[in-house]
Amino acid sequence: MSSEEKKVEISQNNTELIDVILDKEKCKMLEKQLNRILNGIPDVIKVYNNDYTISFFNEAGYKFYNTNLEEVKDKKCYEILGRTEKCLDCSFEAAVQTKDMISKERYIPELNKFMDVSCNAVIGEDGEPLYIVERLRDITEKRVLQKVLEEREETYKQAIKSIPDPVIIIVDNIIVLGNLEACKLFNLSYDKIIGSNIYKHFQEKYLKSLHKRYRNILLQKKIKDISEYEFILSDNKVAILQISHSYISYKGKPAIIAIIRDVTEIKKELNKAAEIQRKTIQKEFPAEGIVDIKTVYVPADIVSGDFYRIYKVSETLIVGILVDVRGKGISAALSISAFDVLCFQEIAVTNEPMEIVKNLNKKLIDYYEENYIAVCCFSIDFSKKQLKVVGAGINQFIFQREKVEEKIVEGTFLGMFENSEFAQQIISLQKGDRIYFFTDGLDFILDEDKVIQTYMEDASALEFKNYIEEFLNDTILDVGKLKDDSTMILIEVL
């Protein structure tokens, strides 16, 4: 990025710092680009103008306050809480004057939440503030846990007994406390559970990833680290247990509290939904003999928010679309089902990727409200030997001829703005060309080390597909699950 654009770097470990080098004339561009970056942050991020009116929030912020941009734009910060005056402990002026990050914990009575708050002024080259950026992290659960665990051990026991789910506390890999429900789950007496090593209760296949998970929880003091494991209970019944791990301090030592839920029945229903979804994923493609199409489809969860479809318009024309719905799970899958219908309707009307994307954007403004959708739409005209690609949230693809080239097609997520503009790339094709479209779960393909791109140049389409699938499967074995749904369409011109 040039010095006239911007550099945004955010760290979430209480050392958050945003440095932006930008002329004031570029403020609107900053909002657009900064918004994209901030939407990937799970903390609440609020960006204010230098008169302390709201410029915009990230997606986590809108969700947290149950609002949208139109409702908060240009309001004062305290007005979204229903207040008429600024907070007595407001950090804005101090952040502007000191040009340092101001951090504190606050209790917000209107929300009944404890929040870890950081406030930082973004200063322009003229020394004046361009924006004030505020980061909020909900630490209510952490504060409640700390309060509970500051009491005597008897208080621990009473608190844990009141929880209807199985609960254990782990110190140095040893279970030091548990409730009656945990005893019932493992069909062991209290004396058999207390003092036992936590790893002896898990299958061997989970031990490596579990050890890594516990180490990270303790080092990073993580809260609500949720994972799922298959357990064989005493009656040989197989159960899927969801475990929510959180860092706590127990008798002055770092510890982990684990709340366990049996989600076996829920998983059965989800597996049925996933099976239905897998059956809808396209496996046979048009233009056989003209192009070779390979796909990768690995959900991060049981059901996926990714989707793709390639349509045959005529003997010489195909149109494809790659979709990534924000979020994961059932809600994303339901959005995919509805969006698939909209795509089919549009492609029946026009085969121009630009028109398809613009028409879908208008429909999403009306139907989907704030549930933005990322897409990449493309067409291949075999009579003209021409590829057209339009991006809307999925803004990168790879074109390979003699070498691997990253291509950019700018465009915001569908449903964000009524008058969004989208960019289009038109490429002349020849025999042997390859095009790679992928969702953000596969962004590592564009890593700076270029290792994977170097492999692309030597591998066949099938070898590369297998390589990516093996990479994803190894990641699942190593860390338990993927961070995001991972989908790729690889097209080779024959």
Protein backbone atom coordinates (compact mmCIF):
# COMPACT_ATOMS: atom_id res chain seq x y z
CA MET A 1 0.00 0.00 0.00
CA SER A 2 1.25 3.53 -0.81
CA SER A 3 1.81 6.21 1.83
CA GLU A 4 -1.31 8.04 0.56
CA GLU A 5 -3.56 5.12 1.26
CA LYS A 6 -3.31 3.66 4.73
CA LYS A 7 -1.76 1.19 7.04
CA VAL A 8 -4.02 -0.42 9.58
CA GLU A 9 -2.65 -2.80 12.16
CA ILE A 10 -4.77 -4.08 15.01
CA SER A 11 -3.65 -6.26 17.89
CA GLN A 12 -6.26 -7.72 20.27
CA ASN A 13 -3.96 -8.52 23.22
CA ASN A 14 -4.52 -5.24 25.12
CA THR A 15 -1.89 -3.57 22.93
CA GLU A 16 -4.27 -2.49 20.16
CA LEU A 17 -2.79 0.24 18.02
CA ILE A 18 -4.11 1.82 14.84
CA ASP A 19 -1.73 3.90 12.77
CA VAL A 20 -3.19 5.53 9.70
CA ILE A 21 -1.20 7.73 7.34
CA LEU A 22 -3.78 9.39 5.15
CA ASP A 23 -4.71 12.77 3.71
CA LYS A 24 -8.03 14.16 4.92
CA GLU A 25 -9.34 14.05 1.35
CA LYS A 26 -9.11 10.25 1.55
CA CYS A 27 -11.39 9.88 4.59
CA LYS A 28 -14.26 8.31 2.67
CA MET A 29 -11.89 5.76 1.17
CA LEU A 30 -10.57 5.05 4.68
CA GLU A 31 -14.08 4.34 5.97
CA LYS A 32 -14.71 1.87 3.18
CA GLN A 33 -11.41 0.02 3.53
CA LEU A 34 -11.29 0.19 7.33
CA ASN A 35 -14.83 -1.17 7.56
CA ARG A 36 -13.81 -4.27 5.60
CA ILE A 37 -10.91 -4.94 7.91
CA LEU A 38 -12.81 -4.28 11.13
CA ASN A 39 -15.66 -6.62 10.15
CA GLY A 40 -13.28 -9.52 10.62
CA ILE A 41 -12.70 -8.60 14.28
CA PRO A 42 -14.97 -10.31 16.85
CA ASP A 43 -14.68 -7.42 19.33
CA VAL A 44 -17.03 -4.43 19.09
CA ILE A 45 -15.27 -1.68 17.11
CA LYS A 46 -16.83 1.79 16.96
CA VAL A 47 -15.37 4.52 14.75
CA TYR A 48 -16.23 8.15 15.59
CA ASN A 49 -15.71 11.41 13.74
CA ASN A 50 -13.56 14.08 15.38
CA ASP A 51 -16.73 15.79 16.69
CA TYR A 52 -17.46 12.52 18.58
CA THR A 53 -20.39 11.59 16.34
CA ILE A 54 -20.61 8.01 15.13
CA SER A 55 -19.10 7.28 11.72
CA PHE A 56 -19.72 3.52 11.66
CA PHE A 57 -19.40 0.28 13.66
CA ASN A 58 -18.06 -3.07 12.58
CA GLU A 59 -20.52 -5.94 12.17
CA ALA A 60 -19.91 -7.14 15.74
CA GLY A 61 -20.85 -3.63 16.94
CA TYR A 62 -24.16 -3.53 15.08
CA LYS A 63 -25.01 -6.99 16.37
CA PHE A 64 -24.04 -6.10 19.95
CA TYR A 65 -26.25 -3.01 20.03
CA ASN A 66 -28.96 -4.62 17.86
CA THR A 67 -28.87 -1.70 15.45
CA ASN A 68 -27.63 -0.68 12.00
CA LEU A 69 -25.68 2.11 10.32
CA GLU A 70 -28.74 4.22 9.50
CA GLU A 71 -29.87 4.24 13.14
CA VAL A 72 -26.51 5.26 14.62
CA LYS A 73 -24.93 7.44 11.91
CA ASP A 74 -24.00 10.93 13.21
CA LYS A 75 -25.40 10.27 16.70
CA LYS A 76 -23.29 11.02 19.73
CA CYS A 77 -21.71 7.99 21.35
CA TYR A 78 -23.81 8.21 24.51
CA GLU A 79 -27.09 8.50 22.57
CA ILE A 80 -27.04 4.83 21.55
CA LEU A 81 -27.33 4.03 25.27
CA GLY A 82 -30.33 6.33 25.63
CA ARG A 83 -28.34 8.95 27.53
CA THR A 84 -28.60 12.72 27.02
CA GLU A 85 -25.13 13.61 28.30
CA LYS A 86 -21.68 12.17 27.81
CA CYS A 87 -20.34 9.64 30.32
CA LEU A 88 -18.47 11.07 33.32
CA ASP A 89 -15.49 8.80 32.62
CA CYS A 90 -15.40 9.51 28.85
CA SER A 91 -11.96 8.67 27.41
CA PHE A 92 -12.25 10.53 24.08
CA GLU A 93 -10.70 13.83 25.13
CA ALA A 94 -7.84 12.14 26.98
CA ALA A 95 -7.10 9.96 23.93
CA VAL A 96 -7.02 13.02 21.65
CA GLN A 97 -4.86 15.09 24.01
CA THR A 98 -2.33 12.40 24.89
CA LYS A 99 -2.40 10.65 21.48
CA ASP A 100 -2.06 7.45 23.51
CA MET A 101 -4.43 4.54 23.83
CA ILE A 102 -6.71 4.85 26.85
CA SER A 103 -7.78 1.50 28.31
CA LYS A 104 -10.09 0.75 31.21
CA GLU A 105 -12.80 -1.58 32.44
CA ARG A 106 -16.32 -0.15 32.64
CA TYR A 107 -19.67 -1.34 33.86
CA ILE A 108 -22.46 -0.22 31.50
CA PRO A 109 -25.73 -0.32 33.47
CA GLU A 110 -27.93 0.07 30.39
CA LEU A 111 -26.49 -3.19 29.05
CA ASN A 112 -25.80 -4.80 32.44
CA LYS A 113 -22.35 -5.77 31.18
CA PHE A 114 -18.74 -5.33 32.18
CA MET A 115 -16.67 -4.19 29.22
CA ASP A 116 -12.94 -3.91 28.58
CA VAL A 117 -12.69 -0.61 26.67
CA SER A 118 -9.81 0.86 24.67
CA CYS A 119 -9.99 4.27 23.01
CA ASN A 120 -7.46 5.57 20.49
CA ALA A 121 -7.35 8.74 18.39
CA VAL A 122 -6.29 8.34 14.77
CA ILE A 123 -4.13 11.40 14.10
CA GLY A 124 -3.52 12.81 10.60
CA GLU A 125 -0.32 14.31 9.28
CA ASP A 126 -1.48 17.75 10.44
CA GLY A 127 -1.66 16.55 14.02
CA GLU A 128 -5.44 16.72 14.13
CA PRO A 129 -7.66 13.73 14.87
CA LEU A 130 -9.24 12.08 11.85
CA TYR A 131 -11.18 9.47 13.79
CA ILE A 132 -11.55 8.10 17.29
CA VAL A 133 -11.61 4.31 17.40
CA GLU A 134 -13.12 2.54 20.40
CA ARG A 135 -12.79 -1.19 21.03
CA LEU A 136 -15.12 -2.98 23.46
CA ARG A 137 -14.77 -6.55 24.66
CA ASP A 138 -17.47 -8.17 26.76
CA ILE A 139 -15.77 -9.45 29.93
CA THR A 140 -18.96 -9.98 31.95
CA GLU A 141 -18.58 -13.74 32.06
CA LYS A 142 -14.93 -13.40 33.01
CA ARG A 143 -15.75 -10.98 35.83
CA VAL A 144 -18.53 -13.20 37.11
CA LEU A 145 -16.26 -16.25 37.05
CA GLN A 146 -13.50 -14.36 38.82
CA LYS A 147 -15.92 -13.19 41.48
CA VAL A 148 -17.22 -16.70 42.07
CA LEU A 149 -13.76 -18.23 42.18
CA GLU A 150 -12.40 -15.69 44.65
CA GLU A 151 -14.53 -17.28 47.37
CA ARG A 152 -13.65 -20.29 49.47
CA GLU A 153 -13.54 -23.78 47.96
CA GLU A 154 -16.92 -24.50 49.50
CA THR A 155 -18.33 -21.63 47.49
CA TYR A 156 -16.80 -23.19 44.38
CA LYS A 157 -18.57 -26.44 45.15
CA GLN A 158 -21.91 -24.75 45.75
CA ALA A 159 -21.62 -22.74 42.53
CA ILE A 160 -20.70 -25.78 40.46
CA LYS A 161 -23.48 -27.87 42.05
CA SER A 162 -26.00 -25.26 40.90
CA ILE A 163 -25.03 -25.73 37.25
CA PRO A 164 -27.26 -28.34 35.57
CA ASP A 165 -24.50 -29.42 33.16
CA PRO A 166 -21.43 -31.49 34.06
CA VAL A 167 -18.62 -29.18 35.26
CA ILE A 168 -15.01 -29.85 36.22
CA ILE A 169 -12.05 -27.64 37.16
CA ILE A 170 -8.58 -28.61 35.95
CA VAL A 171 -5.24 -27.53 37.46
CA ASP A 172 -1.96 -28.82 35.97
CA ASN A 173 -3.96 -31.38 33.95
CA ILE A 174 -5.53 -32.79 37.15
CA ILE A 175 -9.27 -32.59 37.89
CA VAL A 176 -9.48 -30.82 41.26
CA LEU A 177 -13.22 -30.16 41.43
CA GLY A 178 -16.39 -31.45 39.80
CA ASN A 179 -20.12 -31.72 40.30
CA LEU A 180 -22.55 -34.62 40.58
CA GLU A 181 -23.53 -34.32 36.90
CA ALA A 182 -19.91 -34.92 35.87
CA CYS A 183 -19.85 -38.07 38.00
CA LYS A 184 -23.04 -39.30 36.33
CA LEU A 185 -21.71 -38.56 32.86
CA PHE A 186 -18.55 -40.60 33.30
CA ASN A 187 -20.24 -43.13 35.61
CA LEU A 188 -17.52 -42.64 38.21
CA SER A 189 -17.64 -41.82 41.89
CA TYR A 190 -16.49 -38.39 43.03
CA ASP A 191 -13.33 -39.89 44.52
CA LYS A 192 -12.47 -41.53 41.20
CA ILE A 193 -12.83 -38.27 39.26
CA ILE A 194 -11.07 -35.93 41.68
CA GLY A 195 -7.32 -36.29 41.38
CA SER A 196 -7.48 -38.03 37.99
CA ASN A 197 -5.58 -36.81 34.95
CA ILE A 198 -7.94 -35.13 32.48
CA TYR A 199 -6.31 -36.85 29.50
CA LYS A 200 -7.23 -40.35 30.72
CA HIS A 201 -10.90 -39.54 30.05
CA PHE A 202 -10.35 -38.78 26.33
CA GLN A 203 -9.68 -41.05 23.39
CA GLU A 204 -6.06 -41.19 22.27
CA LYS A 205 -6.82 -39.54 18.93
CA TYR A 206 -7.70 -36.27 20.73
CA LEU A 207 -4.73 -36.06 23.08
CA LYS A 208 -2.36 -34.10 20.82
CA SER A 209 -4.90 -31.44 19.86
CA LEU A 210 -6.28 -31.29 23.42
CA HIS A 211 -2.83 -30.69 24.90
CA LYS A 212 -2.29 -27.85 22.42
CA ARG A 213 -5.73 -26.41 23.20
CA TYR A 214 -5.16 -26.42 26.98
CA ARG A 215 -1.75 -24.83 26.60
CA ASN A 216 -3.20 -22.00 24.48
CA ILE A 217 -6.09 -21.43 26.90
CA LEU A 218 -3.68 -21.01 29.80
CA LEU A 219 -1.17 -18.87 27.89
CA GLN A 220 -3.78 -16.60 26.33
CA LYS A 221 -6.25 -16.73 29.24
CA LYS A 222 -8.99 -17.59 26.78
CA ILE A 223 -12.68 -17.55 27.68
CA LYS A 224 -15.31 -19.88 26.20
CA ASP A 225 -13.07 -21.95 23.95
CA ILE A 226 -15.66 -24.41 22.62
CA SER A 227 -14.86 -27.77 21.04
CA GLU A 228 -16.55 -31.13 20.51
CA TYR A 229 -15.35 -34.65 21.16
CA GLU A 230 -16.66 -38.16 20.65
CA PHE A 231 -16.86 -40.11 23.91
CA ILE A 232 -17.51 -43.78 24.50
CA LEU A 233 -19.42 -43.88 27.76
CA SER A 234 -19.45 -46.73 30.28
CA ASP A 235 -22.42 -48.44 28.62
CA ASN A 236 -20.52 -48.37 25.28
CA LYS A 237 -22.87 -45.67 24.08
CA VAL A 238 -21.18 -43.18 21.77
CA ALA A 239 -21.90 -39.56 22.72
CA ILE A 240 -20.85 -36.24 21.23
CA LEU A 241 -19.86 -33.89 24.03
CA GLN A 242 -19.48 -30.15 23.56
CA ILE A 243 -17.01 -28.69 26.05
CA SER A 244 -16.70 -24.99 26.81
CA HIS A 245 -13.27 -24.32 28.33
CA SER A 246 -12.45 -21.04 30.11
CA TYR A 247 -9.38 -19.78 31.90
CA ILE A 248 -9.83 -19.12 35.62
CA SER A 249 -7.67 -18.76 38.73
CA TYR A 250 -8.17 -21.49 41.30
CA LYS A 251 -6.46 -21.03 44.68
CA GLY A 252 -4.05 -18.64 43.03
CA LYS A 253 -3.09 -21.05 40.23
CA PRO A 254 -3.95 -20.91 36.50
CA ALA A 255 -6.82 -23.31 35.90
CA ILE A 256 -9.44 -24.33 33.36
CA ILE A 257 -13.15 -24.70 34.03
CA ALA A 258 -14.89 -27.07 31.61
CA ILE A 259 -18.66 -27.06 31.15
CA ILE A 260 -19.82 -30.18 29.31
CA ARG A 261 -22.99 -30.66 27.28
CA ASP A 262 -24.24 -33.78 25.55
CA VAL A 263 -25.12 -32.63 22.02
CA THR A 264 -25.52 -36.07 20.50
CA GLU A 265 -29.17 -35.64 19.49
CA ILE A 266 -28.60 -32.12 18.19
CA LYS A 267 -25.68 -33.40 16.12
CA LYS A 268 -27.85 -36.12 14.63
CA GLU A 269 -30.25 -33.48 13.35
CA LEU A 270 -27.39 -31.31 12.12
CA ASN A 271 -25.86 -34.29 10.34
CA LYS A 272 -29.15 -34.83 8.53
CA ALA A 273 -29.11 -31.18 7.46
CA ALA A 274 -25.48 -31.51 6.38
CA GLU A 275 -26.26 -34.60 4.35
CA ILE A 276 -29.04 -32.75 2.56
CA GLN A 277 -26.68 -29.84 1.93
CA ARG A 278 -23.94 -32.14 0.57
CA LYS A 279 -26.42 -33.66 -1.83
CA THR A 280 -27.21 -30.21 -3.23
CA ILE A 281 -23.53 -29.47 -3.91
CA GLN A 282 -22.85 -29.74 -7.63
CA LYS A 283 -20.66 -32.69 -8.63
CA GLU A 284 -21.20 -32.83 -12.40
CA PHE A 285 -20.38 -29.82 -14.54
CA PRO A 286 -21.21 -28.56 -18.02
CA ALA A 287 -18.75 -28.15 -20.92
CA GLU A 288 -17.13 -31.51 -20.35
CA GLY A 289 -14.32 -31.95 -22.86
CA ILE A 290 -13.90 -28.19 -23.23
CA VAL A 291 -12.88 -27.42 -19.67
CA ASP A 292 -11.90 -29.62 -16.73
CA ILE A 293 -13.51 -28.48 -13.44
CA LYS A 294 -12.26 -29.60 -10.03
CA THR A 295 -13.72 -28.45 -6.71
CA VAL A 296 -12.80 -28.45 -3.03
CA TYR A 297 -15.57 -28.16 -0.43
CA VAL A 298 -14.66 -28.52 3.27
CA PRO A 299 -17.05 -26.94 5.82
CA ALA A 300 -15.63 -25.53 9.05
CA ASP A 301 -18.67 -26.89 10.88
CA ILE A 302 -21.19 -29.61 10.15
CA VAL A 303 -23.06 -27.37 7.75
CA SER A 304 -21.44 -24.75 5.56
CA GLY A 305 -21.99 -21.13 4.58
CA ASP A 306 -20.14 -21.65 1.29
CA PHE A 307 -21.82 -22.61 -1.95
CA TYR A 308 -21.11 -22.77 -5.68
CA ARG A 309 -23.04 -23.45 -8.86
CA ILE A 310 -22.02 -23.59 -12.53
CA TYR A 311 -24.83 -23.26 -15.08
CA LYS A 312 -24.90 -24.25 -18.73
CA VAL A 313 -26.44 -21.35 -20.68
CA SER A 314 -25.70 -22.77 -24.14
CA GLU A 315 -23.26 -25.09 -25.85
CA THR A 316 -20.71 -22.27 -25.92
CA LEU A 317 -21.42 -20.44 -22.65
CA ILE A 318 -21.31 -21.29 -18.94
CA VAL A 319 -21.98 -19.02 -15.96
CA GLY A 320 -20.73 -19.75 -12.45
CA ILE A 321 -21.07 -18.25 -9.00
CA LEU A 322 -19.10 -18.82 -5.79
CA VAL A 323 -20.87 -17.74 -2.58
CA ASP A 324 -19.75 -17.16 1.01
CA VAL A 325 -22.46 -16.19 3.51
CA ARG A 326 -21.25 -14.34 6.59
CA GLY A 327 -21.17 -16.66 9.59
CA LYS A 328 -21.42 -20.44 9.78
CA GLY A 329 -23.86 -23.11 10.82
CA ILE A 330 -27.60 -23.46 10.32
CA SER A 331 -28.37 -19.77 9.77
CA ALA A 332 -25.73 -19.52 7.04
CA ALA A 333 -27.01 -22.73 5.43
CA LEU A 334 -30.57 -21.40 5.38
CA SER A 335 -29.35 -18.18 3.76
CA ILE A 336 -27.53 -20.26 1.15
CA SER A 337 -30.72 -22.15 0.25
CA ALA A 338 -32.65 -18.94 -0.28
CA PHE A 339 -29.79 -17.32 -2.18
CA ASP A 340 -29.51 -20.30 -4.52
CA VAL A 341 -33.08 -19.60 -5.65
CA LEU A 342 -32.27 -15.93 -6.28
CA CYS A 343 -29.19 -16.89 -8.34
CA PHE A 344 -31.19 -19.28 -10.48
CA GLN A 345 -33.77 -16.57 -11.15
CA GLU A 346 -31.14 -14.04 -12.21
CA ILE A 347 -29.21 -16.38 -14.49
CA ALA A 348 -32.48 -17.22 -16.21
CA VAL A 349 -32.78 -13.51 -17.06
CA THR A 350 -29.19 -12.57 -17.99
CA ASN A 351 -25.83 -14.28 -18.49
CA GLU A 352 -23.71 -11.16 -17.90
CA PRO A 353 -21.84 -11.46 -14.55
CA MET A 354 -22.02 -7.71 -13.95
CA GLU A 355 -25.79 -7.60 -14.38
CA ILE A 356 -26.24 -10.72 -12.25
CA VAL A 357 -24.25 -9.24 -9.37
CA LYS A 358 -25.99 -5.85 -9.54
CA ASN A 359 -29.44 -7.44 -9.63
CA LEU A 360 -28.62 -9.74 -6.71
CA ASN A 361 -27.35 -6.78 -4.72
CA LYS A 362 -30.66 -4.94 -5.17
CA LYS A 363 -32.62 -7.99 -4.04
CA LEU A 364 -30.45 -8.50 -0.97
CA ILE A 365 -30.95 -4.89 0.10
CA ASP A 366 -34.69 -5.68 0.30
CA TYR A 367 -34.61 -9.29 1.55
CA TYR A 368 -31.50 -9.91 3.62
CA GLU A 369 -31.10 -6.70 5.61
CA GLU A 370 -27.68 -6.89 7.35
CA ASN A 371 -26.80 -10.48 6.42
CA TYR A 372 -24.19 -9.57 3.80
CA ILE A 373 -23.11 -12.15 1.24
CA ALA A 374 -19.79 -12.39 -0.60
CA VAL A 375 -19.82 -13.69 -4.17
CA CYS A 376 -17.66 -14.04 -7.23
CA CYS A 377 -19.59 -14.41 -10.48
CA PHE A 378 -17.95 -15.48 -13.74
CA SER A 379 -18.77 -16.57 -17.27
CA ILE A 380 -16.77 -18.38 -19.96
CA ASP A 381 -17.72 -17.87 -23.60
CA PHE A 382 -16.02 -20.66 -25.55
CA SER A 383 -16.87 -19.17 -28.94
CA LYS A 384 -15.05 -15.95 -28.00
CA LYS A 385 -12.53 -17.74 -25.74
CA GLN A 386 -13.32 -15.11 -23.12
CA LEU A 387 -13.53 -15.13 -19.31
CA LYS A 388 -15.46 -12.46 -17.39
CA VAL A 389 -15.16 -12.18 -13.59
CA VAL A 390 -17.01 -9.83 -11.21
CA GLY A 391 -16.25 -9.65 -7.48
CA ALA A 392 -18.50 -8.69 -4.57
CA GLY A 393 -16.76 -9.49 -1.30
CA ILE A 394 -14.77 -12.30 -2.93
CA ASN A 395 -12.31 -9.98 -4.62
CA GLN A 396 -9.38 -12.20 -5.55
CA PHE A 397 -8.85 -15.07 -7.92
CA ILE A 398 -5.81 -16.66 -9.53
CA PHE A 399 -5.11 -16.92 -13.25
CA GLN A 400 -2.38 -19.30 -14.37
CA ARG A 401 -0.86 -19.47 -17.81
CA GLU A 402 2.93 -19.57 -17.86
CA LYS A 403 2.99 -18.26 -14.30
CA VAL A 404 0.60 -17.79 -11.39
CA GLU A 405 -1.00 -14.34 -11.24
CA GLU A 406 -3.25 -12.87 -8.56
CA LYS A 407 -6.19 -10.96 -10.04
CA ILE A 408 -8.32 -8.38 -8.22
CA VAL A 409 -11.98 -7.56 -8.83
CA GLU A 410 -13.04 -4.88 -6.37
CA GLY A 411 -16.57 -4.82 -5.01
CA THR A 412 -18.31 -4.71 -1.63
CA PHE A 413 -20.38 -7.52 -0.13
CA LEU A 414 -23.83 -7.92 -1.63
CA GLY A 415 -26.50 -6.21 0.45
CA MET A 416 -24.24 -3.54 1.95
CA PHE A 417 -25.08 -0.52 -0.21
CA GLU A 418 -27.86 0.03 -2.72
CA ASN A 419 -25.58 1.76 -5.22
CA SER A 420 -22.48 -0.39 -4.77
CA GLU A 421 -20.03 -0.45 -7.66
CA PHE A 422 -18.36 -3.64 -8.83
CA ALA A 423 -15.27 -4.24 -10.94
CA GLN A 424 -14.97 -6.70 -13.81
CA GLN A 425 -11.96 -8.48 -15.34
CA ILE A 426 -12.10 -9.77 -18.92
CA ILE A 427 -9.41 -12.28 -19.93
CA SER A 428 -8.78 -13.96 -23.29
CA LEU A 429 -8.35 -17.69 -22.78
CA GLN A 430 -6.23 -20.28 -24.49
CA LYS A 431 -5.58 -23.98 -24.09
CA GLY A 432 -3.92 -24.88 -20.79
CA ASP A 433 -5.08 -21.80 -18.87
CA ARG A 434 -6.26 -22.36 -15.31
CA ILE A 435 -8.53 -20.21 -13.15
CA TYR A 436 -8.79 -20.65 -9.36
CA PHE A 437 -11.77 -19.18 -7.47
CA PHE A 438 -11.82 -19.64 -3.68
CA THR A 439 -13.48 -18.40 -0.48
CA ASP A 440 -11.55 -16.78 2.37
CA GLY A 441 -10.96 -20.07 4.15
CA LEU A 442 -8.32 -20.66 1.46
CA ASP A 443 -6.67 -17.23 1.61
CA PHE A 444 -3.45 -19.00 2.58
CA ILE A 445 -3.02 -19.77 -1.13
CA LEU A 446 -1.94 -16.13 -1.45
CA ASP A 447 0.61 -16.26 1.41
CA GLU A 448 3.69 -14.15 0.84
CA ASP A 449 6.03 -17.14 0.92
CA LYS A 450 4.48 -18.29 -2.41
CA VAL A 451 5.15 -21.95 -1.56
CA ILE A 452 1.69 -23.09 -2.61
CA GLN A 453 1.70 -20.94 -5.75
CA THR A 454 5.05 -22.45 -6.73
CA TYR A 455 3.52 -25.90 -6.33
CA MET A 456 0.63 -24.81 -8.60
CA GLU A 457 3.01 -24.32 -11.52
CA ASP A 458 4.20 -27.93 -11.46
CA ALA A 459 1.13 -29.85 -10.25
CA SER A 460 -1.76 -31.07 -12.36
CA ALA A 461 -5.27 -29.82 -11.58
CA LEU A 462 -6.10 -33.10 -9.81
CA GLU A 463 -2.82 -33.08 -7.86
CA PHE A 464 -3.45 -29.54 -6.66
CA LYS A 465 -7.03 -30.35 -5.63
CA ASN A 466 -5.74 -33.33 -3.63
CA TYR A 467 -2.96 -31.20 -2.09
CA ILE A 468 -5.45 -28.60 -0.80
CA GLU A 469 -7.79 -31.25 0.60
CA GLU A 470 -4.91 -32.98 2.40
CA PHE A 471 -3.75 -29.62 3.79
CA LEU A 472 -7.23 -28.91 5.19
CA ASN A 473 -7.62 -32.41 6.63
CA ASP A 474 -4.21 -32.15 8.33
CA THR A 475 -5.27 -28.82 9.81
CA ILE A 476 -8.44 -30.39 11.22
CA LEU A 477 -6.43 -33.21 12.80
CA ASP A 478 -3.95 -30.73 14.25
CA VAL A 479 -6.26 -28.06 15.71
CA GLY A 480 -9.65 -29.77 15.79
CA LYS A 481 -11.51 -27.72 13.16
CA LEU A 482 -11.06 -25.11 10.45
CA LYS A 483 -11.51 -21.42 11.19
CA ASP A 484 -13.71 -20.93 8.14
CA ASP A 485 -15.49 -22.83 5.41
CA SER A 486 -13.06 -23.61 2.57
CA THR A 487 -14.28 -23.89 -1.02
CA MET A 488 -12.43 -23.73 -4.34
CA ILE A 489 -13.38 -23.99 -8.03
CA LEU A 490 -10.47 -24.87 -10.35
CA ILE A 491 -11.15 -24.57 -14.10
CA GLU A 492 -8.63 -25.72 -16.71
CA VAL A 493 -9.14 -24.99 -20.42
CA LEU A 494 -8.58 -28.16 -22.44
